[in-house]
Amino acid sequence: MTSAGWETRRGFARLGRARADETASPRRPALVLITLLVAGVLASGCTPLLPGSVAGVVRDPAGNPLGGVVLTLATPTSAVPVATSVTDANGGYTFGPLPGRVYRVGASEPSGLHRDTWWPRAVAREGGADLVVNGSTVIADLTMSCTGDPPLAGCARAPSTITVTASPIDVHPGETQRISIVVPPAPGGPVPTGTFVVVGLGAPVTLVDGGLATDVTLPFSGSWTFPITYSGDPFYAPATVPLGVTVLPGMAPFVGAGPKVAVMGDSITYWSRSAIDAQLGVAGYNQSVTGQFGAHTLSLQWLVDAYAQAGPDVFVLNLGTNDVSAIVEGVSGHTVAQYKASVLAMAARFPQACVVVTTLSAQRTAATTASYAQRNALTTELNDWLAATFPHVVDWDRAVSAAAGGGVALLADEVHPNEAGSAVLGQLVLDQVDRCTGRDPNG
């Protein structure tokens, strides 16, 4: 037998003697040594596990990386974190360096769009393979499933319904009506917390407890459909619903004492109503100034009827800019002959009144419309007809032309008067009203 063999036999003999001694003695040093050794090795063998790391990528069901996911590293028999991390914008995470042993890793997304995920899935490694760190980087990629059903792109869900009360809205110009908007939560989903924008009617409004109330006010009559957009909630997909709004026609009330003056027109009149009101009021008239956005001679019969019933002493008509646009653009029913016939018919409704008409601005340029030359030529034709037909004319076109050399009477759209232009228009209207009522010595 070799010397190595004898050494082995002597070693076993010594071990045997040690075990015999352990039986006879209350001291057990060998058992203590073995217990300490097992604490640092894998239970299935006697090889110590080496330090390493755990890394991976967290993705949604479509394979897109998920940033901001909270990762928890724990032992197989406990959910108490050993360490935590957060995925970067590319969904990546890393734990390490770590002591060599068996781990499990969990993922939780703060938005609640995805279910919490553990890998292996359960305590004591049930339903998954061991995650063993032993001298290298262990790759543990996780795919998070969507909460809720059915999922949409990015695990967001559409609201089940968007409910808008008071739709369509019926108000008079300047009146306010409160509307309520509610988004019920999807089955199993949280209370919606996004924001609403009633496009064209106000700033974004944040939902409170899944709903909101907001005021709607419009200064002029007409019918529109405003889209209500809902967004900003990480759990629900954006959505849009229409809000029907009808602002009912309304004649401005007569204000003041003295001769009754009715002023009717389109958005140019609306834009200048404060200046016209102020100048007529200071002069001692009982005036009503009503302007309607987008109005033309075919759309304001209701207002003519209302003013005719009121019986004014002076009727001022400032209408035609939108008729010119409709004629140039070839809108059905709009012609030069129709415009002239409509204006004459309106004037005929006031046989007891002094009728005043207003010329239209023929000062358009290529800055605002490609058809400016055609529009200006047609406007000039209509202005010449107005001046030849009616004895009392507010020459707004002449005022705009004169102001163009040294001052600006119009806004950048070359249609509506600015503050200075409104004051000029108000004075021109007052001059003709004074002539009608005999207050102007030169009338």
Protein backbone atom coordinates (compact mmCIF):
# COMPACT_ATOMS: atom_id res chain seq x y z
CA MET A 1 0.00 0.00 0.00
CA THR A 2 1.26 3.45 -0.87
CA SER A 3 2.05 6.10 1.66
CA ALA A 4 -0.91 8.14 0.39
CA GLY A 5 -3.20 5.20 0.98
CA TRP A 6 -1.84 4.75 4.47
CA GLU A 7 -2.45 8.42 5.12
CA THR A 8 -6.04 8.04 3.95
CA ARG A 9 -6.58 5.00 6.14
CA ARG A 10 -5.01 6.78 9.09
CA GLY A 11 -7.32 9.74 8.39
CA PHE A 12 -10.42 7.55 8.45
CA ALA A 13 -9.12 5.95 11.60
CA ARG A 14 -8.71 9.32 13.22
CA LEU A 15 -12.24 10.29 12.11
CA GLY A 16 -13.53 7.04 13.60
CA ARG A 17 -11.80 7.73 16.84
CA ALA A 18 -13.20 11.26 16.84
CA ARG A 19 -16.75 9.93 16.40
CA ALA A 20 -16.14 7.49 19.24
CA ASP A 21 -14.88 10.32 21.39
CA GLU A 22 -18.00 12.37 20.53
CA THR A 23 -20.17 9.56 21.85
CA ALA A 24 -18.31 9.44 25.11
CA SER A 25 -17.86 13.21 25.59
CA PRO A 26 -20.43 16.04 25.90
CA ARG A 27 -18.25 18.32 23.71
CA ARG A 28 -18.97 18.18 19.91
CA PRO A 29 -16.46 20.37 18.10
CA ALA A 30 -16.74 18.50 14.76
CA LEU A 31 -20.50 19.04 14.61
CA VAL A 32 -20.04 22.77 15.10
CA LEU A 33 -17.53 22.87 12.27
CA ILE A 34 -19.90 21.10 9.87
CA THR A 35 -22.80 23.45 10.77
CA LEU A 36 -20.75 26.52 9.96
CA LEU A 37 -19.62 25.01 6.71
CA VAL A 38 -23.12 24.15 5.50
CA ALA A 39 -24.28 27.76 5.99
CA GLY A 40 -22.10 28.82 3.07
CA VAL A 41 -22.80 26.08 0.54
CA LEU A 42 -25.72 25.03 -1.63
CA ALA A 43 -28.01 22.57 0.11
CA SER A 44 -27.68 20.06 -2.74
CA GLY A 45 -23.87 19.87 -2.62
CA CYS A 46 -20.77 20.95 -0.83
CA THR A 47 -19.51 23.64 -3.26
CA PRO A 48 -19.57 27.21 -1.85
CA LEU A 49 -21.60 29.73 -3.97
CA LEU A 50 -19.56 32.66 -5.26
CA PRO A 51 -20.62 36.33 -5.30
CA GLY A 52 -22.31 37.63 -8.45
CA SER A 53 -25.20 39.79 -9.65
CA VAL A 54 -28.71 39.72 -11.06
CA ALA A 55 -29.69 41.83 -14.10
CA GLY A 56 -32.41 41.94 -16.70
CA VAL A 57 -35.01 43.90 -18.61
CA VAL A 58 -38.67 44.41 -17.67
CA ARG A 59 -41.12 44.56 -20.58
CA ASP A 60 -44.85 44.88 -21.16
CA PRO A 61 -46.85 42.17 -22.95
CA ALA A 62 -46.00 43.73 -26.33
CA GLY A 63 -42.29 43.54 -25.61
CA ASN A 64 -41.82 47.24 -24.95
CA PRO A 65 -39.37 48.12 -22.17
CA LEU A 66 -40.92 49.53 -19.01
CA GLY A 67 -39.08 52.30 -17.21
CA GLY A 68 -39.76 53.28 -13.61
CA VAL A 69 -40.63 49.76 -12.46
CA VAL A 70 -39.67 49.04 -8.84
CA LEU A 71 -37.64 45.82 -8.49
CA THR A 72 -37.42 43.91 -5.22
CA LEU A 73 -34.77 41.26 -4.50
CA ALA A 74 -35.71 38.76 -1.79
CA THR A 75 -34.89 35.27 -0.54
CA PRO A 76 -36.93 32.25 -1.67
CA THR A 77 -38.69 31.94 1.66
CA SER A 78 -39.46 35.61 2.35
CA ALA A 79 -40.81 38.68 0.63
CA VAL A 80 -38.70 40.94 2.84
CA PRO A 81 -36.46 42.90 0.45
CA VAL A 82 -32.76 42.19 0.37
CA ALA A 83 -32.35 45.09 -2.04
CA THR A 84 -34.46 47.34 -4.29
CA SER A 85 -33.87 48.98 -7.66
CA VAL A 86 -35.76 50.90 -10.35
CA THR A 87 -35.64 50.19 -14.08
CA ASP A 88 -34.14 52.81 -16.36
CA ALA A 89 -35.77 54.20 -19.49
CA ASN A 90 -34.81 51.04 -21.36
CA GLY A 91 -36.40 48.79 -18.76
CA GLY A 92 -33.02 47.60 -17.45
CA TYR A 93 -32.03 46.89 -13.87
CA THR A 94 -29.06 45.42 -11.97
CA PHE A 95 -28.54 44.04 -8.47
CA GLY A 96 -24.99 43.50 -7.34
CA PRO A 97 -22.53 42.59 -6.19
CA LEU A 98 -24.51 40.02 -4.22
CA PRO A 99 -23.48 37.16 -1.94
CA GLY A 100 -23.75 33.81 -3.63
CA ARG A 101 -27.12 32.17 -2.82
CA VAL A 102 -30.68 31.61 -4.17
CA TYR A 103 -32.87 34.68 -4.74
CA ARG A 104 -36.19 35.73 -6.20
CA VAL A 105 -36.94 39.07 -7.88
CA GLY A 106 -40.23 40.96 -8.01
CA ALA A 107 -41.48 43.83 -10.17
CA SER A 108 -44.14 46.42 -9.33
CA GLU A 109 -45.21 49.28 -11.62
CA PRO A 110 -46.47 52.39 -9.76
CA SER A 111 -49.15 53.29 -12.35
CA GLY A 112 -51.12 50.12 -11.64
CA LEU A 113 -51.34 49.28 -15.33
CA HIS A 114 -49.45 46.02 -14.85
CA ARG A 115 -49.77 43.21 -12.36
CA ASP A 116 -47.04 42.73 -9.76
CA THR A 117 -44.70 39.99 -10.95
CA TRP A 118 -42.31 37.69 -9.06
CA TRP A 119 -39.73 35.36 -10.58
CA PRO A 120 -39.73 32.63 -9.49
CA ARG A 121 -43.41 33.40 -8.90
CA ALA A 122 -44.04 32.11 -5.37
CA VAL A 123 -42.34 31.83 -2.01
CA ALA A 124 -40.25 28.63 -1.76
CA ARG A 125 -39.68 28.79 -5.56
CA GLU A 126 -42.97 27.15 -6.44
CA GLY A 127 -43.83 27.42 -10.14
CA GLY A 128 -40.44 28.61 -11.35
CA ALA A 129 -36.79 27.74 -11.64
CA ASP A 130 -34.21 28.67 -9.03
CA LEU A 131 -32.52 32.05 -9.38
CA VAL A 132 -29.01 31.14 -8.24
CA VAL A 133 -26.18 33.65 -7.94
CA ASN A 134 -22.89 31.79 -8.22
CA GLY A 135 -19.93 33.75 -9.51
CA SER A 136 -21.54 35.48 -12.52
CA THR A 137 -24.43 37.70 -13.63
CA VAL A 138 -27.74 35.90 -13.73
CA ILE A 139 -30.10 37.26 -16.37
CA ALA A 140 -33.68 37.53 -15.11
CA ASP A 141 -35.91 39.24 -17.71
CA LEU A 142 -39.49 39.82 -16.62
CA THR A 143 -42.68 40.37 -18.65
CA MET A 144 -45.45 42.13 -16.77
CA SER A 145 -49.04 41.29 -17.66
CA CYS A 146 -51.76 43.93 -17.92
CA THR A 147 -54.32 44.55 -15.25
CA GLY A 148 -57.88 44.81 -16.40
CA ASP A 149 -59.60 43.33 -19.43
CA PRO A 150 -59.43 43.93 -22.30
CA PRO A 151 -56.03 45.63 -22.46
CA LEU A 152 -55.17 48.21 -25.09
CA ALA A 153 -51.77 49.32 -26.33
CA GLY A 154 -49.48 49.97 -23.39
CA CYS A 155 -51.96 48.28 -21.01
CA ALA A 156 -54.22 51.35 -20.98
CA ARG A 157 -57.98 50.98 -21.15
CA ALA A 158 -60.55 53.27 -22.65
CA PRO A 159 -63.11 54.77 -20.29
CA SER A 160 -66.32 52.77 -20.42
CA THR A 161 -68.36 55.94 -21.05
CA ILE A 162 -67.92 59.68 -21.09
CA THR A 163 -71.17 61.29 -19.98
CA VAL A 164 -71.84 64.95 -20.68
CA THR A 165 -74.97 66.48 -19.21
CA ALA A 166 -76.73 69.54 -20.62
CA SER A 167 -75.84 68.61 -24.17
CA PRO A 168 -76.77 70.20 -26.43
CA ILE A 169 -76.38 73.43 -24.50
CA ASP A 170 -78.95 76.12 -25.26
CA VAL A 171 -78.05 79.60 -24.04
CA HIS A 172 -78.48 83.18 -25.17
CA PRO A 173 -75.41 85.28 -25.99
CA GLY A 174 -73.52 86.08 -22.82
CA GLU A 175 -75.47 83.63 -20.67
CA THR A 176 -73.65 80.97 -18.68
CA GLN A 177 -74.67 77.35 -18.28
CA ARG A 178 -72.96 74.76 -16.12
CA ILE A 179 -72.21 71.39 -17.67
CA SER A 180 -71.22 68.19 -15.91
CA ILE A 181 -68.82 65.61 -17.32
CA VAL A 182 -68.39 62.16 -15.77
CA VAL A 183 -66.06 59.27 -16.62
CA PRO A 184 -67.17 56.09 -14.86
CA PRO A 185 -64.26 53.79 -13.96
CA ALA A 186 -63.72 50.69 -16.05
CA PRO A 187 -64.60 47.39 -14.33
CA GLY A 188 -61.89 46.75 -11.79
CA GLY A 189 -60.14 50.00 -12.65
CA PRO A 190 -59.36 53.04 -10.51
CA VAL A 191 -61.34 56.27 -10.46
CA PRO A 192 -60.34 58.33 -13.51
CA THR A 193 -58.05 61.24 -12.70
CA GLY A 194 -57.21 62.73 -16.11
CA THR A 195 -58.03 66.15 -17.50
CA PHE A 196 -60.72 67.45 -19.83
CA VAL A 197 -60.36 70.14 -22.44
CA VAL A 198 -63.51 71.52 -24.03
CA VAL A 199 -61.71 72.68 -27.15
CA GLY A 200 -62.41 76.34 -27.79
CA LEU A 201 -64.18 76.86 -24.47
CA GLY A 202 -61.48 76.98 -21.84
CA ALA A 203 -58.33 75.67 -20.23
CA PRO A 204 -57.82 72.02 -19.17
CA VAL A 205 -59.87 70.98 -16.16
CA THR A 206 -58.79 68.10 -13.91
CA LEU A 207 -61.33 65.52 -12.89
CA VAL A 208 -62.21 65.20 -9.21
CA ASP A 209 -63.59 61.83 -8.14
CA GLY A 210 -64.15 60.89 -11.76
CA GLY A 211 -66.15 63.98 -12.71
CA LEU A 212 -66.23 67.75 -13.00
CA ALA A 213 -68.51 70.69 -13.54
CA THR A 214 -67.54 73.67 -15.66
CA ASP A 215 -69.21 76.79 -17.02
CA VAL A 216 -69.82 77.48 -20.70
CA THR A 217 -70.32 81.05 -21.92
CA LEU A 218 -70.39 82.24 -25.52
CA PRO A 219 -70.85 85.87 -26.57
CA PHE A 220 -72.56 85.32 -29.93
CA SER A 221 -75.28 83.16 -31.42
CA GLY A 222 -74.86 80.08 -33.56
CA SER A 223 -74.55 76.31 -33.35
CA TRP A 224 -71.28 74.44 -32.91
CA THR A 225 -69.97 71.07 -31.91
CA PHE A 226 -67.01 71.35 -29.57
CA PRO A 227 -64.83 68.27 -29.06
CA ILE A 228 -64.22 67.35 -25.43
CA THR A 229 -60.89 65.57 -25.10
CA TYR A 230 -59.98 63.43 -22.11
CA SER A 231 -56.36 62.52 -21.46
CA GLY A 232 -53.58 62.53 -18.90
CA ASP A 233 -54.71 59.47 -16.92
CA PRO A 234 -52.11 56.66 -17.07
CA PHE A 235 -54.75 53.99 -16.57
CA TYR A 236 -57.22 55.09 -19.26
CA ALA A 237 -56.69 55.72 -22.94
CA PRO A 238 -57.46 59.21 -24.32
CA ALA A 239 -60.99 59.71 -25.61
CA THR A 240 -63.04 62.38 -27.35
CA VAL A 241 -66.77 63.10 -27.25
CA PRO A 242 -68.70 65.90 -28.98
CA LEU A 243 -70.45 68.63 -27.04
CA GLY A 244 -73.25 70.31 -28.96
CA VAL A 245 -73.66 74.00 -28.19
CA THR A 246 -76.45 76.19 -29.51
CA VAL A 247 -76.35 79.85 -28.58
CA LEU A 248 -79.85 81.08 -29.23
CA PRO A 249 -80.41 84.34 -31.08
CA GLY A 250 -81.00 87.32 -28.87
CA MET A 251 -81.55 91.01 -29.45
CA ALA A 252 -79.65 93.32 -27.16
CA PRO A 253 -82.02 95.27 -24.90
CA PHE A 254 -82.63 98.95 -25.47
CA VAL A 255 -80.78 101.06 -22.94
CA GLY A 256 -81.25 104.75 -22.18
CA ALA A 257 -83.82 107.41 -22.89
CA GLY A 258 -84.61 109.54 -25.90
CA PRO A 259 -85.07 108.48 -29.54
CA LYS A 260 -84.89 104.73 -30.04
CA VAL A 261 -81.94 103.55 -32.17
CA ALA A 262 -81.47 99.97 -33.39
CA VAL A 263 -78.02 98.98 -34.68
CA MET A 264 -77.75 95.58 -36.36
CA GLY A 265 -74.79 93.89 -38.02
CA ASP A 266 -72.23 91.12 -38.11
CA SER A 267 -69.01 90.61 -36.13
CA ILE A 268 -67.79 94.11 -37.05
CA THR A 269 -70.76 95.51 -35.14
CA TYR A 270 -70.21 93.04 -32.34
CA TRP A 271 -66.55 94.05 -32.10
CA SER A 272 -67.52 97.74 -31.89
CA ARG A 273 -70.69 97.44 -29.81
CA SER A 274 -69.15 98.95 -26.67
CA ALA A 275 -67.93 102.05 -28.52
CA ILE A 276 -71.24 102.46 -30.39
CA ASP A 277 -73.22 101.93 -27.19
CA ALA A 278 -71.11 104.44 -25.31
CA GLN A 279 -71.33 107.21 -27.89
CA LEU A 280 -75.06 106.84 -28.47
CA GLY A 281 -75.65 106.64 -24.72
CA VAL A 282 -73.69 109.80 -23.97
CA ALA A 283 -75.61 111.56 -26.71
CA GLY A 284 -78.89 110.69 -25.01
CA TYR A 285 -80.28 107.93 -27.20
CA ASN A 286 -82.16 104.76 -26.26
CA GLN A 287 -80.05 102.28 -28.18
CA SER A 288 -79.77 98.54 -28.83
CA VAL A 289 -76.62 97.28 -30.56
CA THR A 290 -76.60 93.63 -31.70
CA GLY A 291 -73.80 92.01 -33.69
CA GLN A 292 -73.72 88.36 -34.76
CA PHE A 293 -70.54 86.55 -35.80
CA GLY A 294 -70.69 85.19 -39.34
CA ALA A 295 -74.01 86.88 -40.08
CA HIS A 296 -75.11 87.79 -43.61
CA THR A 297 -78.30 89.15 -45.14
CA LEU A 298 -79.89 85.69 -45.39
CA SER A 299 -79.30 84.74 -41.75
CA LEU A 300 -80.64 87.68 -39.75
CA GLN A 301 -84.32 87.78 -40.65
CA TRP A 302 -85.16 86.88 -37.03
CA LEU A 303 -83.30 89.98 -35.82
CA VAL A 304 -84.97 92.22 -38.40
CA ASP A 305 -88.34 90.93 -37.21
CA ALA A 306 -87.43 91.61 -33.57
CA TYR A 307 -86.29 95.16 -34.27
CA ALA A 308 -89.28 95.87 -36.50
CA GLN A 309 -91.56 94.91 -33.64
CA ALA A 310 -89.62 97.22 -31.30
CA GLY A 311 -90.36 100.20 -33.60
CA PRO A 312 -87.08 102.19 -33.52
CA ASP A 313 -86.81 105.79 -34.70
CA VAL A 314 -83.50 105.00 -36.42
CA PHE A 315 -82.45 101.67 -37.90
CA VAL A 316 -78.71 101.22 -38.64
CA LEU A 317 -77.70 98.28 -40.87
CA ASN A 318 -74.03 97.28 -40.90
CA LEU A 319 -74.11 94.07 -42.91
CA GLY A 320 -72.43 92.69 -46.02
CA THR A 321 -68.84 91.62 -45.35
CA ASN A 322 -69.83 87.95 -45.05
CA ASP A 323 -72.10 88.32 -48.10
CA VAL A 324 -69.06 89.40 -50.13
CA SER A 325 -67.13 86.35 -48.97
CA ALA A 326 -70.04 84.04 -49.83
CA ILE A 327 -70.45 85.56 -53.29
CA VAL A 328 -66.72 85.35 -54.09
CA GLU A 329 -66.58 81.76 -52.84
CA GLY A 330 -69.64 80.78 -54.86
CA VAL A 331 -71.86 79.80 -51.94
CA SER A 332 -75.27 78.73 -53.18
CA GLY A 333 -77.97 81.40 -52.84
CA HIS A 334 -75.56 84.30 -52.50
CA THR A 335 -75.41 86.73 -55.40
CA VAL A 336 -75.11 90.47 -55.87
CA ALA A 337 -78.78 90.65 -56.78
CA GLN A 338 -79.75 88.69 -53.69
CA TYR A 339 -77.72 91.02 -51.45
CA LYS A 340 -79.34 94.13 -52.88
CA ALA A 341 -82.83 92.62 -52.64
CA SER A 342 -82.24 91.55 -49.02
CA VAL A 343 -81.01 94.98 -47.94
CA LEU A 344 -84.02 96.68 -49.58
CA ALA A 345 -86.39 94.20 -47.93
CA MET A 346 -84.83 94.85 -44.52
CA ALA A 347 -85.12 98.61 -44.93
CA ALA A 348 -88.74 98.25 -45.98
CA ARG A 349 -89.56 96.72 -42.58
CA PHE A 350 -88.95 100.15 -40.98
CA PRO A 351 -91.23 102.56 -42.79
CA GLN A 352 -91.48 104.79 -39.73
CA ALA A 353 -87.72 104.93 -39.14
CA CYS A 354 -84.76 106.69 -40.64
CA VAL A 355 -82.64 103.93 -42.20
CA VAL A 356 -78.84 104.19 -42.09
CA VAL A 357 -76.55 101.80 -43.99
CA THR A 358 -72.81 101.25 -43.60
CA THR A 359 -70.27 100.79 -46.36
CA LEU A 360 -67.94 97.79 -46.26
CA SER A 361 -64.16 97.93 -46.08
CA ALA A 362 -62.57 97.41 -49.49
CA GLN A 363 -59.03 97.60 -48.12
CA ARG A 364 -58.04 93.91 -48.16
CA THR A 365 -54.50 92.90 -49.20
CA ALA A 366 -52.65 89.74 -50.14
CA ALA A 367 -51.59 89.47 -46.49
CA THR A 368 -54.93 87.96 -45.52
CA THR A 369 -56.53 86.52 -48.66
CA ALA A 370 -55.45 85.48 -52.13
CA SER A 371 -58.72 86.76 -53.58
CA TYR A 372 -58.28 90.24 -52.14
CA ALA A 373 -58.53 92.00 -55.52
CA GLN A 374 -61.82 90.28 -56.36
CA ARG A 375 -63.21 90.97 -52.91
CA ASN A 376 -62.22 94.63 -52.99
CA ALA A 377 -63.76 95.12 -56.44
CA LEU A 378 -67.04 93.53 -55.40
CA THR A 379 -67.10 95.49 -52.14
CA THR A 380 -66.57 98.74 -54.03
CA GLU A 381 -69.47 97.85 -56.33
CA LEU A 382 -71.76 97.26 -53.36
CA ASN A 383 -70.59 100.43 -51.60
CA ASP A 384 -71.40 102.50 -54.70
CA TRP A 385 -74.87 100.98 -54.78
CA LEU A 386 -75.46 101.69 -51.07
CA ALA A 387 -74.39 105.32 -51.48
CA ALA A 388 -76.67 105.77 -54.49
CA THR A 389 -79.66 104.09 -52.84
CA PHE A 390 -79.77 105.41 -49.28
CA PRO A 391 -79.53 109.04 -48.15
CA HIS A 392 -77.88 108.20 -44.81
CA VAL A 393 -74.61 106.28 -45.14
CA VAL A 394 -71.87 105.55 -42.62
CA ASP A 395 -68.80 105.56 -44.87
CA TRP A 396 -66.71 103.02 -42.98
CA ASP A 397 -64.65 102.17 -46.07
CA ARG A 398 -63.52 105.77 -46.45
CA ALA A 399 -62.55 105.91 -42.78
CA VAL A 400 -60.50 102.72 -43.05
CA SER A 401 -58.79 103.98 -46.19
CA ALA A 402 -57.93 107.32 -44.55
CA ALA A 403 -56.59 105.64 -41.41
CA ALA A 404 -54.34 103.32 -43.41
CA GLY A 405 -51.97 106.19 -44.19
CA GLY A 406 -51.29 107.35 -40.66
CA GLY A 407 -53.00 104.97 -38.25
CA VAL A 408 -54.38 101.49 -38.04
CA ALA A 409 -58.16 101.11 -37.84
CA LEU A 410 -58.28 97.35 -38.32
CA LEU A 411 -56.92 94.27 -36.62
CA ALA A 412 -54.42 92.07 -38.43
CA ASP A 413 -57.27 90.16 -40.11
CA GLU A 414 -58.06 93.36 -42.13
CA VAL A 415 -61.75 92.95 -41.29
CA HIS A 416 -62.49 93.78 -37.66
CA PRO A 417 -61.81 97.20 -36.15
CA ASN A 418 -59.28 97.60 -33.39
CA GLU A 419 -59.97 99.83 -30.42
CA ALA A 420 -59.22 103.03 -32.34
CA GLY A 421 -61.24 101.83 -35.32
CA SER A 422 -64.20 100.97 -33.09
CA ALA A 423 -64.18 104.50 -31.70
CA VAL A 424 -64.15 105.90 -35.25
CA LEU A 425 -67.04 103.65 -36.29
CA GLY A 426 -69.01 104.63 -33.21
CA GLN A 427 -68.57 108.33 -34.02
CA LEU A 428 -69.61 107.81 -37.65
CA VAL A 429 -72.77 106.00 -36.55
CA LEU A 430 -73.57 108.78 -34.09
CA ASP A 431 -73.11 111.42 -36.81
CA GLN A 432 -75.69 109.75 -39.07
CA VAL A 433 -78.11 109.11 -36.20
CA ASP A 434 -77.87 112.80 -35.29
CA ARG A 435 -78.67 113.72 -38.90
CA CYS A 436 -81.66 111.38 -38.87
CA THR A 437 -83.06 112.91 -35.69
CA GLY A 438 -82.35 116.50 -36.68
CA ARG A 439 -79.73 117.04 -34.00
CA ASP A 440 -76.99 117.80 -36.49
CA PRO A 441 -77.28 121.35 -37.80
CA ASN A 442 -75.60 120.32 -41.03
CA GLY A 443 -77.90 117.29 -41.57
